[in-house]
Amino acid sequence: MGLGALTDVIAPERVIGLPVGEVSALAYDSRKVAPGTLFFAVPGVHVDGHEYAAAAVSAGAIGLVVERELPEGGLPQLVVDGTRRALADAADAWFGRPSEQLTVIGVTGTDGKSTVTALTAEVLRACGRRPGQIGTVFIGLGTMVQPNEERNTTPEALELQGFLARVVAEGNDSVVMEATSHGLALERTRNCRFDIGVVTTVTSEHLEFHGTVEAYRAAKALLVEQAPIAILNADDSSFEHLRERARDRVISYAIDTAADLLASDLQADATGTRFNLQAPSWAGTVRVALPGRFNVSNALATLAVAEALGLDLKRAADALRDTSGVPGRMQRVVAGQPFAVIVDYAHTEDSLRKVLAMLRLLTADRLIAVIGSAGERDPTKRGPMGRVAAELADVVVVTDEDPRLEDPRTINEEIADGARLVGGRDSETLWVIDDRRKAIARAIGLAREGDVILLAGKGHETSMFYGADRRPWDEVGAARDALRDAGWSDA
């Protein structure tokens, strides 16, 4: 595209120099600049793209998109009030406005995003649609679904619009995507043109970024303010707030509250839950092959998407019966041991409470929880997570979970202090073991017949951050190693 045409798309407040020439690429990372690249100086948490403008110029940038005029002379500068917004607009035009050619389903919420995204993609395929998907766990393109190796659930707008263009090129007719509060607030999802916005739950999370629960809730509400169809959880405390902000049509789902899609007569076991569904277009019995009441809510959200799209709800329900689930979400690790080991992504006070309460019903003897909390993330949840774990589990082992640039022991002691407040006793019912492998080994060493061990927080993730170092990690693999070292093996 010509730089002049992109300038018209971006609509800068001021233009310094003459915006002429052919743009060969867009970039916000100076290391990816080649001759002809239009460079966007995006401010970040740790670095500011404006500081790398000189490097971009040296690498052959054709122009700079900036939030303030820079001393780098000789190149056009497009001065805007937000370079992320400008990047989203430019990327949309650059890739041919791909979302206009897709049914776009966005899923947000504190918990349940990944499960609802994966289940919705399965249901769409079962009902004859051809969905792409992007989420924490899976990437789906064409007919292929593969693990998401990245840790950024909602990519920057440049990568996101590029992915949507690939979805279109591969012949997909729709896309199901997780829309995180960061992605919504930072306008990474700008120009995604959501047709349906799904909200699972909204509790307290990411206050290190949003500052307040109100700001966090407002970020989530951006999805339903944009989408003409909002699918909302009537059992969630944020339901009324979100319904008031919905752009147009609202489809509600619930277990305990009157709703458009209502689940009743839940019958649960360790492998899943059966329930009766009353929906506008169909009523019948549904079985979701995932344990836990919260997974009934996730199934309802998925079925509500099918309802909104006018799909065969009976066929959608059958797909939920046959689902293989989501890696790292209530995933069992079996090596012939006489106790259960469960890997789950629960990493908030609310999700941990739900998972532990559900596992308590399935525990014959003791419930052992291995928990942590990520560094450079909401610190206010650490004590409450320790308290919930100590209240609902018999034994708590606190350990590392992506400490990043914070001191791991400081994080872990903040969690442990929450456990101590409600009676956690060091070296009796409470252990603080920074090394996660050793923590998992301790939990397995403590276990006896009839116990259930929950390994919470890492789930499907394939890495762990210490400082800026990204180290490989496999929670299921670590559990299998510890079981083998303790004498258990299914080999």
Protein backbone atom coordinates (compact mmCIF):
# COMPACT_ATOMS: atom_id res chain seq x y z
CA MET A 1 0.00 0.00 0.00
CA GLY A 2 1.04 3.56 -0.49
CA LEU A 3 2.06 5.54 2.58
CA GLY A 4 -0.45 8.20 1.57
CA ALA A 5 -3.30 5.67 1.54
CA LEU A 6 -2.28 4.36 4.95
CA THR A 7 -2.07 7.91 6.24
CA ASP A 8 -5.71 8.39 5.23
CA VAL A 9 -6.64 5.19 7.13
CA ILE A 10 -4.74 6.21 10.26
CA ALA A 11 -6.03 9.81 10.18
CA PRO A 12 -3.20 11.37 12.23
CA GLU A 13 -3.60 14.57 14.16
CA ARG A 14 -0.49 15.95 12.49
CA VAL A 15 1.79 14.93 9.63
CA ILE A 16 5.45 15.93 9.63
CA GLY A 17 7.06 15.60 6.21
CA LEU A 18 5.54 14.26 3.02
CA PRO A 19 3.94 10.77 3.32
CA VAL A 20 4.87 9.26 -0.05
CA GLY A 21 6.25 5.94 -1.22
CA GLU A 22 5.21 2.30 -1.12
CA VAL A 23 4.99 0.59 2.26
CA SER A 24 6.41 -2.95 2.23
CA ALA A 25 5.47 -4.00 5.76
CA LEU A 26 4.14 -2.84 9.12
CA ALA A 27 6.05 -3.30 12.38
CA TYR A 28 6.07 -2.21 16.01
CA ASP A 29 9.31 -4.07 16.82
CA SER A 30 12.37 -2.28 15.46
CA ARG A 31 14.14 -5.64 15.05
CA LYS A 32 11.58 -6.57 12.38
CA VAL A 33 12.02 -3.40 10.34
CA ALA A 34 13.30 -3.78 6.79
CA PRO A 35 13.50 -1.16 4.02
CA GLY A 36 10.03 0.22 3.30
CA THR A 37 8.52 -0.69 6.69
CA LEU A 38 6.14 1.70 8.44
CA PHE A 39 7.17 1.66 12.11
CA PHE A 40 4.67 2.16 14.94
CA ALA A 41 6.19 3.44 18.20
CA VAL A 42 3.99 1.61 20.69
CA PRO A 43 4.54 2.33 24.42
CA GLY A 44 4.63 -0.82 26.55
CA VAL A 45 4.92 -1.84 30.19
CA HIS A 46 8.71 -2.20 30.24
CA VAL A 47 9.82 -0.47 27.03
CA ASP A 48 8.60 2.41 24.89
CA GLY A 49 8.70 2.01 21.13
CA HIS A 50 9.61 5.69 20.76
CA GLU A 51 13.02 4.82 22.18
CA TYR A 52 13.63 2.46 19.25
CA ALA A 53 12.59 4.83 16.47
CA ALA A 54 16.21 5.62 15.62
CA ALA A 55 16.91 1.91 15.18
CA ALA A 56 13.89 1.64 12.90
CA VAL A 57 15.15 4.56 10.82
CA SER A 58 18.58 2.95 10.54
CA ALA A 59 16.95 -0.30 9.39
CA GLY A 60 15.21 1.48 6.50
CA ALA A 61 11.78 2.49 7.80
CA ILE A 62 9.75 4.53 5.33
CA GLY A 63 7.95 6.45 8.07
CA LEU A 64 7.13 6.60 11.78
CA VAL A 65 3.78 6.54 13.55
CA VAL A 66 4.31 8.27 16.89
CA GLU A 67 2.47 9.80 19.82
CA ARG A 68 4.92 12.70 20.03
CA GLU A 69 7.24 14.30 17.50
CA LEU A 70 10.70 12.73 17.50
CA PRO A 71 14.05 14.31 16.54
CA GLU A 72 14.67 11.67 13.86
CA GLY A 73 14.68 13.82 10.73
CA GLY A 74 14.27 12.97 7.09
CA LEU A 75 11.29 10.64 7.45
CA PRO A 76 7.56 11.37 7.56
CA GLN A 77 6.08 11.19 11.05
CA LEU A 78 2.38 10.56 11.58
CA VAL A 79 1.52 11.95 15.02
CA VAL A 80 -1.51 10.23 16.57
CA ASP A 81 -3.15 10.17 19.99
CA GLY A 82 -2.68 6.39 20.27
CA THR A 83 -0.22 4.30 18.27
CA ARG A 84 -1.94 1.03 19.24
CA ARG A 85 -5.21 2.33 17.77
CA ALA A 86 -3.38 3.48 14.65
CA LEU A 87 -1.71 0.07 14.35
CA ALA A 88 -5.09 -1.67 14.61
CA ASP A 89 -6.56 0.54 11.87
CA ALA A 90 -3.56 0.15 9.59
CA ALA A 91 -3.39 -3.64 10.10
CA ASP A 92 -7.10 -3.98 9.32
CA ALA A 93 -6.65 -2.15 6.02
CA TRP A 94 -3.33 -3.87 5.25
CA PHE A 95 -4.88 -7.34 5.50
CA GLY A 96 -8.07 -6.45 3.63
CA ARG A 97 -10.55 -6.05 6.51
CA PRO A 98 -10.70 -9.82 7.12
CA SER A 99 -13.27 -9.80 9.93
CA GLU A 100 -15.89 -8.53 7.49
CA GLN A 101 -15.69 -11.94 5.79
CA LEU A 102 -16.19 -13.97 8.97
CA THR A 103 -18.69 -14.56 11.74
CA VAL A 104 -16.60 -13.38 14.70
CA ILE A 105 -17.38 -14.79 18.15
CA GLY A 106 -15.49 -13.20 21.04
CA VAL A 107 -15.25 -14.84 24.46
CA THR A 108 -14.19 -12.96 27.57
CA GLY A 109 -14.40 -13.47 31.34
CA THR A 110 -12.20 -14.05 34.34
CA ASP A 111 -12.54 -17.83 34.10
CA GLY A 112 -13.82 -20.24 31.48
CA LYS A 113 -12.65 -18.38 28.34
CA SER A 114 -10.46 -21.17 27.02
CA THR A 115 -13.00 -23.91 27.67
CA VAL A 116 -15.88 -21.98 26.08
CA THR A 117 -13.72 -21.06 23.08
CA ALA A 118 -12.66 -24.67 22.51
CA LEU A 119 -16.15 -26.09 23.07
CA THR A 120 -17.72 -23.51 20.77
CA ALA A 121 -15.31 -24.38 17.97
CA GLU A 122 -16.14 -28.08 18.44
CA VAL A 123 -19.86 -27.39 18.37
CA LEU A 124 -19.60 -25.23 15.25
CA ARG A 125 -17.70 -27.99 13.44
CA ALA A 126 -20.27 -30.55 14.52
CA CYS A 127 -23.04 -28.33 13.14
CA GLY A 128 -21.44 -27.96 9.73
CA ARG A 129 -19.60 -24.65 10.15
CA ARG A 130 -15.88 -24.17 9.45
CA PRO A 131 -14.48 -22.21 12.40
CA GLY A 132 -11.01 -20.95 13.00
CA GLN A 133 -10.06 -20.33 16.61
CA ILE A 134 -7.55 -18.47 18.71
CA GLY A 135 -7.21 -18.91 22.44
CA THR A 136 -4.92 -19.64 25.33
CA VAL A 137 -4.82 -23.37 24.60
CA PHE A 138 -5.56 -23.88 20.90
CA ILE A 139 -5.03 -22.23 17.53
CA GLY A 140 -7.35 -23.42 14.75
CA LEU A 141 -6.68 -22.64 11.09
CA GLY A 142 -8.40 -24.36 8.17
CA THR A 143 -9.11 -27.89 9.41
CA MET A 144 -6.07 -28.02 11.69
CA VAL A 145 -6.16 -27.38 15.45
CA GLN A 146 -2.87 -27.19 17.31
CA PRO A 147 -1.56 -26.02 20.70
CA ASN A 148 -0.94 -22.31 21.16
CA GLU A 149 2.72 -22.04 22.09
CA GLU A 150 2.50 -18.32 22.84
CA ARG A 151 1.65 -16.86 26.25
CA ASN A 152 -0.21 -13.84 24.86
CA THR A 153 -3.84 -14.96 24.49
CA THR A 154 -4.96 -11.92 22.49
CA PRO A 155 -2.06 -10.90 20.20
CA GLU A 156 -1.26 -7.36 19.17
CA ALA A 157 -3.50 -6.07 16.40
CA LEU A 158 -0.89 -6.65 13.68
CA GLU A 159 -0.61 -10.38 14.42
CA LEU A 160 -4.33 -10.70 15.13
CA GLN A 161 -5.44 -9.17 11.83
CA GLY A 162 -2.82 -11.25 10.03
CA PHE A 163 -4.23 -14.38 11.64
CA LEU A 164 -7.80 -13.42 10.67
CA ALA A 165 -6.60 -12.98 7.09
CA ARG A 166 -5.13 -16.48 7.17
CA VAL A 167 -8.42 -17.81 8.55
CA VAL A 168 -10.21 -16.31 5.56
CA ALA A 169 -7.60 -17.64 3.12
CA GLU A 170 -7.93 -21.16 4.57
CA GLY A 171 -11.67 -21.20 3.87
CA ASN A 172 -12.98 -20.82 7.40
CA ASP A 173 -16.36 -19.09 7.61
CA SER A 174 -16.12 -18.03 11.25
CA VAL A 175 -13.66 -17.57 14.09
CA VAL A 176 -13.96 -18.10 17.84
CA MET A 177 -11.47 -16.03 19.78
CA GLU A 178 -10.64 -15.25 23.37
CA ALA A 179 -10.79 -11.53 24.05
CA THR A 180 -8.83 -10.73 27.20
CA SER A 181 -9.38 -7.61 29.26
CA HIS A 182 -5.90 -6.45 28.20
CA GLY A 183 -6.71 -7.06 24.55
CA LEU A 184 -9.97 -5.14 24.79
CA ALA A 185 -8.63 -2.24 26.85
CA LEU A 186 -5.50 -1.84 24.71
CA GLU A 187 -7.57 -1.99 21.51
CA ARG A 188 -5.78 -5.04 20.15
CA THR A 189 -9.24 -6.31 19.15
CA ARG A 190 -10.20 -3.06 17.41
CA ASN A 191 -11.70 -3.82 13.97
CA CYS A 192 -12.41 -7.44 14.82
CA ARG A 193 -16.11 -6.59 14.25
CA PHE A 194 -17.55 -9.07 16.72
CA ASP A 195 -20.91 -10.58 15.80
CA ILE A 196 -21.34 -12.31 19.16
CA GLY A 197 -19.78 -11.44 22.51
CA VAL A 198 -19.76 -14.09 25.24
CA VAL A 199 -18.99 -13.27 28.88
CA THR A 200 -18.40 -16.15 31.32
CA THR A 201 -17.68 -14.67 34.76
CA VAL A 202 -16.27 -11.36 35.96
CA THR A 203 -14.58 -11.42 39.36
CA SER A 204 -11.33 -9.74 40.46
CA GLU A 205 -8.25 -10.19 38.27
CA HIS A 206 -5.47 -8.18 36.60
CA LEU A 207 -5.77 -5.21 38.97
CA GLU A 208 -2.04 -4.63 38.42
CA PHE A 209 -3.09 -3.40 34.96
CA HIS A 210 -6.64 -2.09 35.35
CA GLY A 211 -6.21 -0.56 38.81
CA THR A 212 -9.76 -1.21 40.05
CA VAL A 213 -12.42 -3.90 39.75
CA GLU A 214 -14.65 -1.30 38.11
CA ALA A 215 -12.07 -0.61 35.38
CA TYR A 216 -11.58 -4.35 34.87
CA ARG A 217 -15.34 -4.86 34.53
CA ALA A 218 -15.54 -1.93 32.12
CA ALA A 219 -12.86 -3.53 29.94
CA LYS A 220 -14.88 -6.75 29.78
CA ALA A 221 -18.01 -4.75 28.93
CA LEU A 222 -16.30 -3.38 25.81
CA LEU A 223 -16.99 -6.70 24.10
CA VAL A 224 -20.77 -6.58 24.56
CA GLU A 225 -20.83 -2.88 23.74
CA GLN A 226 -19.39 -3.77 20.33
CA ALA A 227 -21.18 -7.03 19.47
CA PRO A 228 -24.83 -6.94 18.34
CA ILE A 229 -25.50 -10.19 20.25
CA ALA A 230 -24.35 -10.53 23.88
CA ILE A 231 -24.37 -13.90 25.65
CA LEU A 232 -24.32 -13.36 29.41
CA ASN A 233 -24.19 -15.50 32.54
CA ALA A 234 -27.28 -14.60 34.61
CA ASP A 235 -25.74 -16.37 37.63
CA ASP A 236 -22.77 -14.00 37.63
CA SER A 237 -22.73 -10.91 39.83
CA SER A 238 -21.83 -8.71 36.85
CA PHE A 239 -24.86 -9.77 34.79
CA GLU A 240 -26.97 -6.64 35.32
CA HIS A 241 -23.98 -4.34 34.76
CA LEU A 242 -23.20 -6.06 31.46
CA ARG A 243 -26.82 -6.32 30.32
CA GLU A 244 -27.19 -2.55 30.71
CA ARG A 245 -24.18 -2.02 28.48
CA ALA A 246 -25.07 -4.56 25.79
CA ARG A 247 -25.37 -3.02 22.36
CA ASP A 248 -28.51 -4.88 21.26
CA ARG A 249 -29.79 -8.45 21.77
CA VAL A 250 -28.99 -10.35 24.99
CA ILE A 251 -29.17 -14.13 25.37
CA SER A 252 -28.82 -15.23 28.99
CA TYR A 253 -27.81 -18.59 30.45
CA ALA A 254 -27.88 -19.86 34.03
CA ILE A 255 -28.23 -22.71 36.48
CA ASP A 256 -29.75 -20.89 39.47
CA THR A 257 -31.48 -17.91 37.83
CA ALA A 258 -34.25 -17.54 35.26
CA ALA A 259 -32.58 -17.34 31.84
CA ASP A 260 -33.07 -17.99 28.14
CA LEU A 261 -30.98 -21.16 28.43
CA LEU A 262 -31.56 -22.83 31.78
CA ALA A 263 -29.90 -25.96 33.17
CA SER A 264 -31.66 -27.99 35.85
CA ASP A 265 -31.46 -31.40 37.56
CA LEU A 266 -27.67 -31.60 37.45
CA GLN A 267 -26.29 -35.11 37.95
CA ALA A 268 -22.51 -35.11 38.29
CA ASP A 269 -19.75 -37.68 38.54
CA ALA A 270 -15.98 -37.63 38.08
CA THR A 271 -16.22 -37.79 34.28
CA GLY A 272 -18.90 -35.23 33.55
CA THR A 273 -22.35 -33.85 34.27
CA ARG A 274 -25.81 -34.57 32.90
CA PHE A 275 -28.48 -31.86 33.02
CA ASN A 276 -31.82 -30.90 31.55
CA LEU A 277 -31.74 -27.95 29.18
CA GLN A 278 -34.60 -25.58 28.47
CA ALA A 279 -33.79 -23.29 25.54
CA PRO A 280 -35.86 -21.24 23.10
CA SER A 281 -35.36 -23.66 20.20
CA TRP A 282 -34.96 -27.02 21.98
CA ALA A 283 -35.38 -28.79 25.31
CA GLY A 284 -33.73 -32.04 26.28
CA THR A 285 -31.04 -33.83 28.23
CA VAL A 286 -27.44 -32.75 27.79
CA ARG A 287 -24.28 -34.44 29.01
CA VAL A 288 -21.04 -32.51 29.00
CA ALA A 289 -17.98 -34.73 29.25
CA LEU A 290 -16.25 -32.38 31.69
CA PRO A 291 -16.66 -32.52 35.48
CA GLY A 292 -17.82 -29.63 37.61
CA ARG A 293 -20.76 -27.28 37.92
CA PHE A 294 -18.70 -24.50 36.33
CA ASN A 295 -18.36 -26.63 33.21
CA VAL A 296 -22.15 -26.79 32.99
CA SER A 297 -22.04 -22.97 32.82
CA ASN A 298 -19.36 -23.21 30.12
CA ALA A 299 -21.53 -25.68 28.19
CA LEU A 300 -24.51 -23.34 28.48
CA ALA A 301 -22.49 -20.44 27.09
CA THR A 302 -21.46 -22.65 24.16
CA LEU A 303 -25.04 -23.77 23.50
CA ALA A 304 -26.14 -20.13 23.63
CA VAL A 305 -23.78 -19.39 20.73
CA ALA A 306 -25.43 -22.21 18.76
CA GLU A 307 -28.83 -20.74 19.66
CA ALA A 308 -27.75 -17.28 18.50
CA LEU A 309 -26.56 -18.66 15.16
CA GLY A 310 -29.71 -20.71 14.61
CA LEU A 311 -27.86 -24.04 14.67
CA ASP A 312 -29.37 -27.43 15.54
CA LEU A 313 -29.20 -27.43 19.35
CA LYS A 314 -29.62 -31.21 19.59
CA ARG A 315 -26.59 -31.71 17.37
CA ALA A 316 -24.69 -29.12 19.44
CA ALA A 317 -25.58 -30.99 22.63
CA ASP A 318 -24.33 -34.25 21.12
CA ALA A 319 -20.98 -32.59 20.40
CA LEU A 320 -20.63 -31.67 24.09
CA ARG A 321 -21.23 -35.30 25.03
CA ASP A 322 -18.34 -36.39 22.83
CA THR A 323 -15.85 -33.62 23.64
CA SER A 324 -12.34 -34.61 24.60
CA GLY A 325 -12.00 -31.54 26.80
CA VAL A 326 -9.21 -28.99 27.06
CA PRO A 327 -5.62 -29.82 28.08
CA GLY A 328 -4.77 -28.48 31.51
CA ARG A 329 -8.42 -28.11 32.51
CA MET A 330 -9.38 -30.74 35.10
CA GLN A 331 -6.90 -33.10 33.41
CA ARG A 332 -6.20 -36.38 35.22
CA VAL A 333 -2.67 -37.76 35.46
CA VAL A 334 -2.86 -41.53 35.87
CA ALA A 335 0.15 -43.77 36.55
CA GLY A 336 -1.45 -46.56 38.55
CA GLN A 337 -1.35 -44.60 41.82
CA PRO A 338 -4.13 -45.12 44.43
CA PHE A 339 -4.84 -41.38 44.64
CA ALA A 340 -5.95 -38.85 42.03
CA VAL A 341 -3.74 -36.15 40.49
CA ILE A 342 -5.59 -33.34 38.69
CA VAL A 343 -3.98 -30.56 36.63
CA ASP A 344 -6.05 -27.39 36.26
CA TYR A 345 -5.46 -23.79 35.20
CA ALA A 346 -7.33 -22.29 38.18
CA HIS A 347 -5.33 -19.16 39.06
CA THR A 348 -7.82 -16.81 40.71
CA GLU A 349 -9.53 -16.94 44.08
CA ASP A 350 -12.91 -17.61 42.43
CA SER A 351 -11.72 -20.37 40.08
CA LEU A 352 -9.69 -22.03 42.83
CA ARG A 353 -12.71 -22.02 45.12
CA LYS A 354 -14.89 -23.63 42.45
CA VAL A 355 -12.38 -26.33 41.57
CA LEU A 356 -11.60 -27.22 45.18
CA ALA A 357 -15.29 -27.32 46.11
CA MET A 358 -15.97 -29.67 43.22
CA LEU A 359 -13.00 -31.92 44.02
CA ARG A 360 -14.03 -32.08 47.68
CA LEU A 361 -17.17 -33.93 46.59
CA LEU A 362 -15.01 -36.52 44.82
CA THR A 363 -12.40 -36.93 47.58
CA ALA A 364 -12.55 -40.01 49.79
CA ASP A 365 -9.82 -38.86 52.17
CA ARG A 366 -7.67 -35.72 51.96
CA LEU A 367 -7.59 -32.92 49.39
CA ILE A 368 -4.07 -31.60 48.68
CA ALA A 369 -3.65 -28.32 46.77
CA VAL A 370 -0.46 -27.13 45.07
CA ILE A 371 -0.92 -23.43 44.27
CA GLY A 372 1.00 -20.31 43.30
CA SER A 373 0.42 -16.85 41.87
CA ALA A 374 2.14 -15.09 38.98
CA GLY A 375 4.54 -12.22 39.50
CA GLU A 376 3.81 -8.80 38.00
CA ARG A 377 0.11 -9.64 38.13
CA ASP A 378 -2.62 -8.64 40.58
CA PRO A 379 -0.96 -8.94 44.03
CA THR A 380 -4.25 -8.50 45.90
CA LYS A 381 -5.37 -12.02 44.99
CA ARG A 382 -2.43 -13.79 46.65
CA GLY A 383 -3.60 -13.78 50.26
CA PRO A 384 -7.21 -14.66 49.34
CA MET A 385 -5.99 -17.58 47.22
CA GLY A 386 -4.00 -18.92 50.17
CA ARG A 387 -7.02 -18.48 52.44
CA VAL A 388 -9.38 -20.30 50.06
CA ALA A 389 -6.90 -23.14 49.62
CA ALA A 390 -6.47 -23.59 53.38
CA GLU A 391 -10.22 -23.43 53.96
CA LEU A 392 -11.15 -26.01 51.33
CA ALA A 393 -8.09 -28.28 51.17
CA ASP A 394 -6.54 -30.36 53.94
CA VAL A 395 -2.97 -29.72 52.82
CA VAL A 396 -1.60 -26.74 50.90
CA VAL A 397 1.75 -26.55 49.12
CA VAL A 398 2.65 -23.05 47.90
CA THR A 399 5.09 -22.81 45.02
CA ASP A 400 6.31 -20.78 42.05
CA GLU A 401 4.06 -19.79 39.15
CA ASP A 402 5.79 -17.42 36.72
CA PRO A 403 7.47 -15.08 39.26
CA ARG A 404 8.80 -12.92 36.41
CA LEU A 405 10.76 -9.97 37.83
CA GLU A 406 9.42 -10.36 41.38
CA ASP A 407 11.08 -12.33 44.18
CA PRO A 408 9.46 -15.80 44.22
CA ARG A 409 9.71 -16.21 47.98
CA THR A 410 7.96 -12.87 48.58
CA ILE A 411 5.04 -13.92 46.38
CA ASN A 412 4.80 -17.34 47.98
CA GLU A 413 4.91 -15.99 51.52
CA GLU A 414 2.07 -13.58 50.70
CA ILE A 415 0.00 -16.58 49.60
CA ALA A 416 1.05 -18.60 52.63
CA ASP A 417 0.14 -15.75 54.98
CA GLY A 418 -3.43 -16.01 53.70
CA ALA A 419 -3.42 -19.72 54.54
CA ARG A 420 -1.95 -19.08 57.98
CA LEU A 421 -4.74 -16.61 58.79
CA VAL A 422 -7.28 -19.45 58.62
CA GLY A 423 -5.26 -22.05 60.48
CA GLY A 424 -2.62 -23.28 58.03
CA ARG A 425 0.23 -24.79 60.05
CA ASP A 426 3.74 -24.81 58.61
CA SER A 427 5.17 -28.29 58.00
CA GLU A 428 1.85 -29.85 59.07
CA THR A 429 -0.86 -28.62 56.70
CA LEU A 430 1.17 -25.95 54.90
CA TRP A 431 4.44 -26.04 52.99
CA VAL A 432 6.19 -23.27 51.06
CA ILE A 433 8.48 -24.81 48.44
CA ASP A 434 9.59 -22.36 45.75
CA ASP A 435 10.82 -25.00 43.28
CA ARG A 436 7.68 -26.26 41.55
CA ARG A 437 9.09 -29.72 40.75
CA LYS A 438 9.99 -30.22 44.39
CA ALA A 439 6.57 -28.91 45.47
CA ILE A 440 4.78 -31.42 43.23
CA ALA A 441 7.05 -34.18 44.50
CA ARG A 442 6.25 -33.20 48.10
CA ALA A 443 2.51 -33.32 47.42
CA ILE A 444 2.80 -36.75 45.83
CA GLY A 445 5.01 -37.94 48.68
CA LEU A 446 2.36 -36.83 51.18
CA ALA A 447 -0.52 -38.51 49.32
CA ARG A 448 -2.12 -41.76 50.39
CA GLU A 449 -4.94 -43.92 49.08
CA GLY A 450 -8.15 -42.00 48.55
CA ASP A 451 -6.50 -38.56 48.41
CA VAL A 452 -6.91 -36.05 45.58
CA ILE A 453 -4.06 -33.73 44.55
CA LEU A 454 -4.86 -30.54 42.65
CA LEU A 455 -1.98 -28.95 40.74
CA ALA A 456 -3.39 -25.49 40.10
CA GLY A 457 -2.27 -22.50 38.07
CA LYS A 458 -0.10 -23.73 35.20
CA GLY A 459 -2.53 -25.98 33.36
CA HIS A 460 -1.58 -26.33 29.69
CA GLU A 461 1.25 -23.77 29.72
CA THR A 462 4.55 -24.87 28.23
CA SER A 463 6.83 -22.36 29.92
CA MET A 464 7.51 -20.57 33.20
CA PHE A 465 9.02 -17.09 33.51
CA TYR A 466 11.83 -16.28 35.95
CA GLY A 467 12.91 -12.70 35.36
CA ALA A 468 13.00 -12.34 31.59
CA ASP A 469 14.01 -15.98 31.21
CA ARG A 470 11.33 -18.22 29.68
CA ARG A 471 11.98 -21.77 30.87
CA PRO A 472 10.28 -24.85 29.39
CA TRP A 473 7.57 -26.31 31.61
CA ASP A 474 5.18 -29.26 31.41
CA GLU A 475 2.88 -29.63 34.42
CA VAL A 476 1.56 -33.05 33.41
CA GLY A 477 5.10 -34.19 32.63
CA ALA A 478 6.36 -32.95 35.99
CA ALA A 479 3.55 -34.84 37.73
CA ARG A 480 4.38 -38.03 35.81
CA ASP A 481 8.07 -37.66 36.71
CA ALA A 482 7.22 -37.26 40.39
CA LEU A 483 4.87 -40.24 40.30
CA ARG A 484 7.55 -42.38 38.65
CA ASP A 485 10.14 -41.30 41.21
CA ALA A 486 7.67 -42.28 43.93
CA GLY A 487 7.32 -45.74 42.40
CA TRP A 488 4.20 -45.31 40.27
CA SER A 489 4.19 -45.86 36.53
CA ASP A 490 1.58 -46.94 34.01
CA ALA A 491 4.27 -48.14 31.63
